[in-house]
mmCIF file of all heavy atoms, coordinates in Angstrom:
data_MODEL
# 
_entry.id   MODEL 
# 
loop_
_atom_site.group_PDB 
_atom_site.id 
_atom_site.type_symbol 
_atom_site.label_atom_id 
_atom_site.label_alt_id 
_atom_site.label_comp_id 
_atom_site.label_asym_id 
_atom_site.label_entity_id 
_atom_site.label_seq_id 
_atom_site.pdbx_PDB_ins_code 
_atom_site.Cartn_x 
_atom_site.Cartn_y 
_atom_site.Cartn_z 
_atom_site.occupancy 
_atom_site.B_iso_or_equiv 
_atom_site.pdbx_formal_charge 
_atom_site.auth_seq_id 
_atom_site.auth_comp_id 
_atom_site.auth_asym_id 
_atom_site.auth_atom_id 
_atom_site.pdbx_PDB_model_num 
ATOM 1   N N   . LEU A 1 1  ? 0.828   -1.199  0.000   1.00 0.00 ? 1  LEU A N   1 
ATOM 2   C CA  . LEU A 1 1  ? 0.000   0.000   0.000   1.00 0.00 ? 1  LEU A CA  1 
ATOM 3   C C   . LEU A 1 1  ? 0.870   1.258   0.000   1.00 0.00 ? 1  LEU A C   1 
ATOM 4   O O   . LEU A 1 1  ? 0.591   2.226   -0.726  1.00 0.00 ? 1  LEU A O   1 
ATOM 5   C CB  . LEU A 1 1  ? -0.919  -0.017  1.214   1.00 0.00 ? 1  LEU A CB  1 
ATOM 6   C CG  . LEU A 1 1  ? -2.054  0.999   1.266   1.00 0.00 ? 1  LEU A CG  1 
ATOM 7   C CD1 . LEU A 1 1  ? -2.933  0.942   0.022   1.00 0.00 ? 1  LEU A CD1 1 
ATOM 8   C CD2 . LEU A 1 1  ? -2.890  0.753   2.523   1.00 0.00 ? 1  LEU A CD2 1 
ATOM 9   N N   . LEU A 1 2  ? 1.934   1.243   0.782   1.00 0.00 ? 2  LEU A N   1 
ATOM 10  C CA  . LEU A 1 2  ? 2.855   2.384   0.787   1.00 0.00 ? 2  LEU A CA  1 
ATOM 11  C C   . LEU A 1 2  ? 3.494   2.554   -0.583  1.00 0.00 ? 2  LEU A C   1 
ATOM 12  O O   . LEU A 1 2  ? 3.607   3.686   -1.089  1.00 0.00 ? 2  LEU A O   1 
ATOM 13  C CB  . LEU A 1 2  ? 3.928   2.188   1.861   1.00 0.00 ? 2  LEU A CB  1 
ATOM 14  C CG  . LEU A 1 2  ? 4.941   3.322   1.987   1.00 0.00 ? 2  LEU A CG  1 
ATOM 15  C CD1 . LEU A 1 2  ? 4.267   4.649   2.303   1.00 0.00 ? 2  LEU A CD1 1 
ATOM 16  C CD2 . LEU A 1 2  ? 5.982   2.977   3.053   1.00 0.00 ? 2  LEU A CD2 1 
ATOM 17  N N   . CYS A 1 3  ? 3.882   1.460   -1.208  1.00 0.00 ? 3  CYS A N   1 
ATOM 18  C CA  . CYS A 1 3  ? 4.484   1.540   -2.543  1.00 0.00 ? 3  CYS A CA  1 
ATOM 19  C C   . CYS A 1 3  ? 3.501   2.114   -3.560  1.00 0.00 ? 3  CYS A C   1 
ATOM 20  O O   . CYS A 1 3  ? 3.874   2.945   -4.396  1.00 0.00 ? 3  CYS A O   1 
ATOM 21  C CB  . CYS A 1 3  ? 4.963   0.165   -2.999  1.00 0.00 ? 3  CYS A CB  1 
ATOM 22  S SG  . CYS A 1 3  ? 6.453   -0.427  -2.186  1.00 0.00 ? 3  CYS A SG  1 
ATOM 23  N N   . VAL A 1 4  ? 2.239   1.687   -3.493  1.00 0.00 ? 4  VAL A N   1 
ATOM 24  C CA  . VAL A 1 4  ? 1.286   2.122   -4.510  1.00 0.00 ? 4  VAL A CA  1 
ATOM 25  C C   . VAL A 1 4  ? 0.934   3.596   -4.337  1.00 0.00 ? 4  VAL A C   1 
ATOM 26  O O   . VAL A 1 4  ? 0.801   4.324   -5.327  1.00 0.00 ? 4  VAL A O   1 
ATOM 27  C CB  . VAL A 1 4  ? 0.029   1.224   -4.531  1.00 0.00 ? 4  VAL A CB  1 
ATOM 28  C CG1 . VAL A 1 4  ? -0.919  1.508   -3.395  1.00 0.00 ? 4  VAL A CG1 1 
ATOM 29  C CG2 . VAL A 1 4  ? -0.705  1.372   -5.860  1.00 0.00 ? 4  VAL A CG2 1 
ATOM 30  N N   . VAL A 1 5  ? 0.795   4.086   -3.103  1.00 0.00 ? 5  VAL A N   1 
ATOM 31  C CA  . VAL A 1 5  ? 0.486   5.508   -2.945  1.00 0.00 ? 5  VAL A CA  1 
ATOM 32  C C   . VAL A 1 5  ? 1.682   6.367   -3.354  1.00 0.00 ? 5  VAL A C   1 
ATOM 33  O O   . VAL A 1 5  ? 1.515   7.457   -3.919  1.00 0.00 ? 5  VAL A O   1 
ATOM 34  C CB  . VAL A 1 5  ? -0.006  5.856   -1.524  1.00 0.00 ? 5  VAL A CB  1 
ATOM 35  C CG1 . VAL A 1 5  ? -1.329  5.164   -1.239  1.00 0.00 ? 5  VAL A CG1 1 
ATOM 36  C CG2 . VAL A 1 5  ? 1.021   5.541   -0.459  1.00 0.00 ? 5  VAL A CG2 1 
ATOM 37  N N   . ARG A 1 6  ? 2.885   5.865   -3.098  1.00 0.00 ? 6  ARG A N   1 
ATOM 38  C CA  . ARG A 1 6  ? 4.072   6.597   -3.564  1.00 0.00 ? 6  ARG A CA  1 
ATOM 39  C C   . ARG A 1 6  ? 4.162   6.580   -5.086  1.00 0.00 ? 6  ARG A C   1 
ATOM 40  O O   . ARG A 1 6  ? 4.540   7.574   -5.706  1.00 0.00 ? 6  ARG A O   1 
ATOM 41  C CB  . ARG A 1 6  ? 5.333   5.992   -2.942  1.00 0.00 ? 6  ARG A CB  1 
ATOM 42  C CG  . ARG A 1 6  ? 5.533   6.358   -1.477  1.00 0.00 ? 6  ARG A CG  1 
ATOM 43  C CD  . ARG A 1 6  ? 6.734   5.662   -0.878  1.00 0.00 ? 6  ARG A CD  1 
ATOM 44  N NE  . ARG A 1 6  ? 7.052   6.158   0.455   1.00 0.00 ? 6  ARG A NE  1 
ATOM 45  C CZ  . ARG A 1 6  ? 7.925   5.582   1.282   1.00 0.00 ? 6  ARG A CZ  1 
ATOM 46  N NH1 . ARG A 1 6  ? 8.569   4.472   0.890   1.00 0.00 ? 6  ARG A NH1 1 
ATOM 47  N NH2 . ARG A 1 6  ? 8.167   6.101   2.466   1.00 0.00 ? 6  ARG A NH2 1 
ATOM 48  N N   . GLU A 1 7  ? 3.815   5.455   -5.685  1.00 0.00 ? 7  GLU A N   1 
ATOM 49  C CA  . GLU A 1 7  ? 3.802   5.363   -7.148  1.00 0.00 ? 7  GLU A CA  1 
ATOM 50  C C   . GLU A 1 7  ? 2.823   6.373   -7.737  1.00 0.00 ? 7  GLU A C   1 
ATOM 51  O O   . GLU A 1 7  ? 3.136   7.070   -8.718  1.00 0.00 ? 7  GLU A O   1 
ATOM 52  C CB  . GLU A 1 7  ? 3.406   3.949   -7.573  1.00 0.00 ? 7  GLU A CB  1 
ATOM 53  C CG  . GLU A 1 7  ? 3.242   3.772   -9.082  1.00 0.00 ? 7  GLU A CG  1 
ATOM 54  C CD  . GLU A 1 7  ? 2.669   2.413   -9.470  1.00 0.00 ? 7  GLU A CD  1 
ATOM 55  O OE1 . GLU A 1 7  ? 2.910   1.435   -8.734  1.00 0.00 ? 7  GLU A OE1 1 
ATOM 56  O OE2 . GLU A 1 7  ? 1.975   2.333   -10.497 1.00 0.00 ? 7  GLU A OE2 1 
ATOM 57  N N   . LEU A 1 8  ? 1.650   6.473   -7.159  1.00 0.00 ? 8  LEU A N   1 
ATOM 58  C CA  . LEU A 1 8  ? 0.651   7.398   -7.673  1.00 0.00 ? 8  LEU A CA  1 
ATOM 59  C C   . LEU A 1 8  ? 1.077   8.855   -7.519  1.00 0.00 ? 8  LEU A C   1 
ATOM 60  O O   . LEU A 1 8  ? 0.678   9.713   -8.312  1.00 0.00 ? 8  LEU A O   1 
ATOM 61  C CB  . LEU A 1 8  ? -0.696  7.163   -6.980  1.00 0.00 ? 8  LEU A CB  1 
ATOM 62  C CG  . LEU A 1 8  ? -1.392  5.856   -7.352  1.00 0.00 ? 8  LEU A CG  1 
ATOM 63  C CD1 . LEU A 1 8  ? -2.615  5.625   -6.479  1.00 0.00 ? 8  LEU A CD1 1 
ATOM 64  C CD2 . LEU A 1 8  ? -1.779  5.841   -8.829  1.00 0.00 ? 8  LEU A CD2 1 
ATOM 65  N N   . GLU A 1 9  ? 1.900   9.142   -6.504  1.00 0.00 ? 9  GLU A N   1 
ATOM 66  C CA  . GLU A 1 9  ? 2.396   10.509  -6.334  1.00 0.00 ? 9  GLU A CA  1 
ATOM 67  C C   . GLU A 1 9  ? 3.228   10.960  -7.526  1.00 0.00 ? 9  GLU A C   1 
ATOM 68  O O   . GLU A 1 9  ? 3.334   12.154  -7.802  1.00 0.00 ? 9  GLU A O   1 
ATOM 69  C CB  . GLU A 1 9  ? 3.222   10.619  -5.052  1.00 0.00 ? 9  GLU A CB  1 
ATOM 70  C CG  . GLU A 1 9  ? 2.409   10.637  -3.783  1.00 0.00 ? 9  GLU A CG  1 
ATOM 71  C CD  . GLU A 1 9  ? 1.420   11.793  -3.749  1.00 0.00 ? 9  GLU A CD  1 
ATOM 72  O OE1 . GLU A 1 9  ? 1.853   12.951  -3.643  1.00 0.00 ? 9  GLU A OE1 1 
ATOM 73  O OE2 . GLU A 1 9  ? 0.207   11.530  -3.846  1.00 0.00 ? 9  GLU A OE2 1 
ATOM 74  N N   . THR A 1 10 ? 3.808   10.021  -8.249  1.00 0.00 ? 10 THR A N   1 
ATOM 75  C CA  . THR A 1 10 ? 4.658   10.363  -9.396  1.00 0.00 ? 10 THR A CA  1 
ATOM 76  C C   . THR A 1 10 ? 3.856   10.474  -10.692 1.00 0.00 ? 10 THR A C   1 
ATOM 77  O O   . THR A 1 10 ? 4.418   10.808  -11.732 1.00 0.00 ? 10 THR A O   1 
ATOM 78  C CB  . THR A 1 10 ? 5.767   9.314   -9.589  1.00 0.00 ? 10 THR A CB  1 
ATOM 79  O OG1 . THR A 1 10 ? 5.177   8.066   -9.997  1.00 0.00 ? 10 THR A OG1 1 
ATOM 80  C CG2 . THR A 1 10 ? 6.552   9.104   -8.304  1.00 0.00 ? 10 THR A CG2 1 
ATOM 81  N N   . ASP A 1 11 ? 2.561   10.178  -10.637 1.00 0.00 ? 11 ASP A N   1 
ATOM 82  C CA  . ASP A 1 11 ? 1.715   10.199  -11.836 1.00 0.00 ? 11 ASP A CA  1 
ATOM 83  C C   . ASP A 1 11 ? 0.868   11.467  -11.829 1.00 0.00 ? 11 ASP A C   1 
ATOM 84  O O   . ASP A 1 11 ? -0.178  11.542  -11.174 1.00 0.00 ? 11 ASP A O   1 
ATOM 85  C CB  . ASP A 1 11 ? 0.819   8.957   -11.871 1.00 0.00 ? 11 ASP A CB  1 
ATOM 86  C CG  . ASP A 1 11 ? 0.094   8.792   -13.199 1.00 0.00 ? 11 ASP A CG  1 
ATOM 87  O OD1 . ASP A 1 11 ? -0.015  9.789   -13.944 1.00 0.00 ? 11 ASP A OD1 1 
ATOM 88  O OD2 . ASP A 1 11 ? -0.373  7.672   -13.483 1.00 0.00 ? 11 ASP A OD2 1 
ATOM 89  N N   . ALA A 1 12 ? 1.329   12.469  -12.563 1.00 0.00 ? 12 ALA A N   1 
ATOM 90  C CA  . ALA A 1 12 ? 0.639   13.761  -12.565 1.00 0.00 ? 12 ALA A CA  1 
ATOM 91  C C   . ALA A 1 12 ? -0.745  13.674  -13.181 1.00 0.00 ? 12 ALA A C   1 
ATOM 92  O O   . ALA A 1 12 ? -1.598  14.540  -12.934 1.00 0.00 ? 12 ALA A O   1 
ATOM 93  C CB  . ALA A 1 12 ? 1.486   14.793  -13.309 1.00 0.00 ? 12 ALA A CB  1 
ATOM 94  N N   . ALA A 1 13 ? -1.001  12.656  -14.000 1.00 0.00 ? 13 ALA A N   1 
ATOM 95  C CA  . ALA A 1 13 ? -2.310  12.523  -14.652 1.00 0.00 ? 13 ALA A CA  1 
ATOM 96  C C   . ALA A 1 13 ? -3.400  12.111  -13.672 1.00 0.00 ? 13 ALA A C   1 
ATOM 97  O O   . ALA A 1 13 ? -4.584  12.356  -13.920 1.00 0.00 ? 13 ALA A O   1 
ATOM 98  C CB  . ALA A 1 13 ? -2.230  11.512  -15.787 1.00 0.00 ? 13 ALA A CB  1 
ATOM 99  N N   . VAL A 1 14 ? -3.032  11.496  -12.559 1.00 0.00 ? 14 VAL A N   1 
ATOM 100 C CA  . VAL A 1 14 ? -4.009  11.052  -11.570 1.00 0.00 ? 14 VAL A CA  1 
ATOM 101 C C   . VAL A 1 14 ? -4.315  12.196  -10.618 1.00 0.00 ? 14 VAL A C   1 
ATOM 102 O O   . VAL A 1 14 ? -3.428  12.742  -9.971  1.00 0.00 ? 14 VAL A O   1 
ATOM 103 C CB  . VAL A 1 14 ? -3.491  9.832   -10.785 1.00 0.00 ? 14 VAL A CB  1 
ATOM 104 C CG1 . VAL A 1 14 ? -4.426  9.498   -9.625  1.00 0.00 ? 14 VAL A CG1 1 
ATOM 105 C CG2 . VAL A 1 14 ? -3.354  8.627   -11.707 1.00 0.00 ? 14 VAL A CG2 1 
ATOM 106 N N   . ARG A 1 15 ? -5.593  12.557  -10.531 1.00 0.00 ? 15 ARG A N   1 
ATOM 107 C CA  . ARG A 1 15 ? -6.017  13.665  -9.682  1.00 0.00 ? 15 ARG A CA  1 
ATOM 108 C C   . ARG A 1 15 ? -6.747  13.187  -8.428  1.00 0.00 ? 15 ARG A C   1 
ATOM 109 O O   . ARG A 1 15 ? -6.681  13.822  -7.385  1.00 0.00 ? 15 ARG A O   1 
ATOM 110 C CB  . ARG A 1 15 ? -6.957  14.569  -10.483 1.00 0.00 ? 15 ARG A CB  1 
ATOM 111 C CG  . ARG A 1 15 ? -6.337  15.208  -11.732 1.00 0.00 ? 15 ARG A CG  1 
ATOM 112 C CD  . ARG A 1 15 ? -5.764  16.548  -11.430 1.00 0.00 ? 15 ARG A CD  1 
ATOM 113 N NE  . ARG A 1 15 ? -6.665  17.341  -10.615 1.00 0.00 ? 15 ARG A NE  1 
ATOM 114 C CZ  . ARG A 1 15 ? -7.757  17.978  -11.070 1.00 0.00 ? 15 ARG A CZ  1 
ATOM 115 N NH1 . ARG A 1 15 ? -8.080  17.915  -12.356 1.00 0.00 ? 15 ARG A NH1 1 
ATOM 116 N NH2 . ARG A 1 15 ? -8.513  18.670  -10.234 1.00 0.00 ? 15 ARG A NH2 1 
ATOM 117 N N   . VAL A 1 16 ? -7.489  12.082  -8.566  1.00 0.00 ? 16 VAL A N   1 
ATOM 118 C CA  . VAL A 1 16 ? -8.281  11.556  -7.452  1.00 0.00 ? 16 VAL A CA  1 
ATOM 119 C C   . VAL A 1 16 ? -8.004  10.064  -7.336  1.00 0.00 ? 16 VAL A C   1 
ATOM 120 O O   . VAL A 1 16 ? -7.902  9.362   -8.351  1.00 0.00 ? 16 VAL A O   1 
ATOM 121 C CB  . VAL A 1 16 ? -9.787  11.796  -7.661  1.00 0.00 ? 16 VAL A CB  1 
ATOM 122 C CG1 . VAL A 1 16 ? -10.591 11.212  -6.502  1.00 0.00 ? 16 VAL A CG1 1 
ATOM 123 C CG2 . VAL A 1 16 ? -10.086 13.291  -7.805  1.00 0.00 ? 16 VAL A CG2 1 
ATOM 124 N N   . VAL A 1 17 ? -7.894  9.585   -6.090  1.00 0.00 ? 17 VAL A N   1 
ATOM 125 C CA  . VAL A 1 17 ? -7.661  8.163   -5.825  1.00 0.00 ? 17 VAL A CA  1 
ATOM 126 C C   . VAL A 1 17 ? -8.819  7.632   -4.993  1.00 0.00 ? 17 VAL A C   1 
ATOM 127 O O   . VAL A 1 17 ? -9.134  8.184   -3.932  1.00 0.00 ? 17 VAL A O   1 
ATOM 128 C CB  . VAL A 1 17 ? -6.337  7.937   -5.083  1.00 0.00 ? 17 VAL A CB  1 
ATOM 129 C CG1 . VAL A 1 17 ? -6.102  6.438   -4.860  1.00 0.00 ? 17 VAL A CG1 1 
ATOM 130 C CG2 . VAL A 1 17 ? -5.170  8.563   -5.839  1.00 0.00 ? 17 VAL A CG2 1 
ATOM 131 N N   . ILE A 1 18 ? -9.463  6.580   -5.488  1.00 0.00 ? 18 ILE A N   1 
ATOM 132 C CA  . ILE A 1 18 ? -10.515 5.898   -4.739  1.00 0.00 ? 18 ILE A CA  1 
ATOM 133 C C   . ILE A 1 18 ? -9.912  4.632   -4.136  1.00 0.00 ? 18 ILE A C   1 
ATOM 134 O O   . ILE A 1 18 ? -9.234  3.873   -4.834  1.00 0.00 ? 18 ILE A O   1 
ATOM 135 C CB  . ILE A 1 18 ? -11.697 5.522   -5.653  1.00 0.00 ? 18 ILE A CB  1 
ATOM 136 C CG1 . ILE A 1 18 ? -12.327 6.782   -6.257  1.00 0.00 ? 18 ILE A CG1 1 
ATOM 137 C CG2 . ILE A 1 18 ? -12.745 4.711   -4.894  1.00 0.00 ? 18 ILE A CG2 1 
ATOM 138 C CD1 . ILE A 1 18 ? -13.339 6.493   -7.353  1.00 0.00 ? 18 ILE A CD1 1 
ATOM 139 N N   . VAL A 1 19 ? -10.146 4.400   -2.850  1.00 0.00 ? 19 VAL A N   1 
ATOM 140 C CA  . VAL A 1 19 ? -9.662  3.171   -2.211  1.00 0.00 ? 19 VAL A CA  1 
ATOM 141 C C   . VAL A 1 19 ? -10.870 2.358   -1.754  1.00 0.00 ? 19 VAL A C   1 
ATOM 142 O O   . VAL A 1 19 ? -11.839 2.903   -1.214  1.00 0.00 ? 19 VAL A O   1 
ATOM 143 C CB  . VAL A 1 19 ? -8.704  3.456   -1.036  1.00 0.00 ? 19 VAL A CB  1 
ATOM 144 C CG1 . VAL A 1 19 ? -7.432  4.102   -1.533  1.00 0.00 ? 19 VAL A CG1 1 
ATOM 145 C CG2 . VAL A 1 19 ? -9.351  4.343   0.019   1.00 0.00 ? 19 VAL A CG2 1 
ATOM 146 N N   . THR A 1 20 ? -10.829 1.053   -1.978  1.00 0.00 ? 20 THR A N   1 
ATOM 147 C CA  . THR A 1 20 ? -11.933 0.183   -1.600  1.00 0.00 ? 20 THR A CA  1 
ATOM 148 C C   . THR A 1 20 ? -11.390 -1.208  -1.312  1.00 0.00 ? 20 THR A C   1 
ATOM 149 O O   . THR A 1 20 ? -10.173 -1.439  -1.379  1.00 0.00 ? 20 THR A O   1 
ATOM 150 C CB  . THR A 1 20 ? -13.005 0.168   -2.718  1.00 0.00 ? 20 THR A CB  1 
ATOM 151 O OG1 . THR A 1 20 ? -14.199 -0.426  -2.220  1.00 0.00 ? 20 THR A OG1 1 
ATOM 152 C CG2 . THR A 1 20 ? -12.524 -0.568  -3.959  1.00 0.00 ? 20 THR A CG2 1 
ATOM 153 N N   . GLY A 1 21 ? -12.275 -2.135  -0.995  1.00 0.00 ? 21 GLY A N   1 
ATOM 154 C CA  . GLY A 1 21 ? -11.862 -3.498  -0.712  1.00 0.00 ? 21 GLY A CA  1 
ATOM 155 C C   . GLY A 1 21 ? -12.570 -4.493  -1.600  1.00 0.00 ? 21 GLY A C   1 
ATOM 156 O O   . GLY A 1 21 ? -13.693 -4.248  -2.043  1.00 0.00 ? 21 GLY A O   1 
ATOM 157 N N   . VAL A 1 22 ? -11.933 -5.620  -1.856  1.00 0.00 ? 22 VAL A N   1 
ATOM 158 C CA  . VAL A 1 22 ? -12.537 -6.716  -2.603  1.00 0.00 ? 22 VAL A CA  1 
ATOM 159 C C   . VAL A 1 22 ? -13.220 -7.649  -1.601  1.00 0.00 ? 22 VAL A C   1 
ATOM 160 O O   . VAL A 1 22 ? -12.660 -7.970  -0.550  1.00 0.00 ? 22 VAL A O   1 
ATOM 161 C CB  . VAL A 1 22 ? -11.472 -7.489  -3.409  1.00 0.00 ? 22 VAL A CB  1 
ATOM 162 C CG1 . VAL A 1 22 ? -12.079 -8.716  -4.073  1.00 0.00 ? 22 VAL A CG1 1 
ATOM 163 C CG2 . VAL A 1 22 ? -10.830 -6.574  -4.446  1.00 0.00 ? 22 VAL A CG2 1 
ATOM 164 N N   . GLY A 1 23 ? -14.440 -8.073  -1.916  1.00 0.00 ? 23 GLY A N   1 
ATOM 165 C CA  . GLY A 1 23 ? -15.164 -8.968  -1.019  1.00 0.00 ? 23 GLY A CA  1 
ATOM 166 C C   . GLY A 1 23 ? -16.057 -8.210  -0.064  1.00 0.00 ? 23 GLY A C   1 
ATOM 167 O O   . GLY A 1 23 ? -16.522 -7.108  -0.355  1.00 0.00 ? 23 GLY A O   1 
ATOM 168 N N   . LYS A 1 24 ? -16.284 -8.761  1.132   1.00 0.00 ? 24 LYS A N   1 
ATOM 169 C CA  . LYS A 1 24 ? -17.246 -8.173  2.058   1.00 0.00 ? 24 LYS A CA  1 
ATOM 170 C C   . LYS A 1 24 ? -16.628 -7.230  3.079   1.00 0.00 ? 24 LYS A C   1 
ATOM 171 O O   . LYS A 1 24 ? -17.327 -6.762  3.976   1.00 0.00 ? 24 LYS A O   1 
ATOM 172 C CB  . LYS A 1 24 ? -18.034 -9.266  2.768   1.00 0.00 ? 24 LYS A CB  1 
ATOM 173 C CG  . LYS A 1 24 ? -17.216 -10.197 3.651   1.00 0.00 ? 24 LYS A CG  1 
ATOM 174 C CD  . LYS A 1 24 ? -18.134 -11.269 4.253   1.00 0.00 ? 24 LYS A CD  1 
ATOM 175 C CE  . LYS A 1 24 ? -17.345 -12.213 5.167   1.00 0.00 ? 24 LYS A CE  1 
ATOM 176 N NZ  . LYS A 1 24 ? -18.232 -13.242 5.753   1.00 0.00 ? 24 LYS A NZ  1 
# 
């Protein structure tokens, strides 16, 4: 999770991040 949020910080095209879970 830390890696993915850091990865997204480098992507200027991404403005909004939605976080959710798979399953119940």
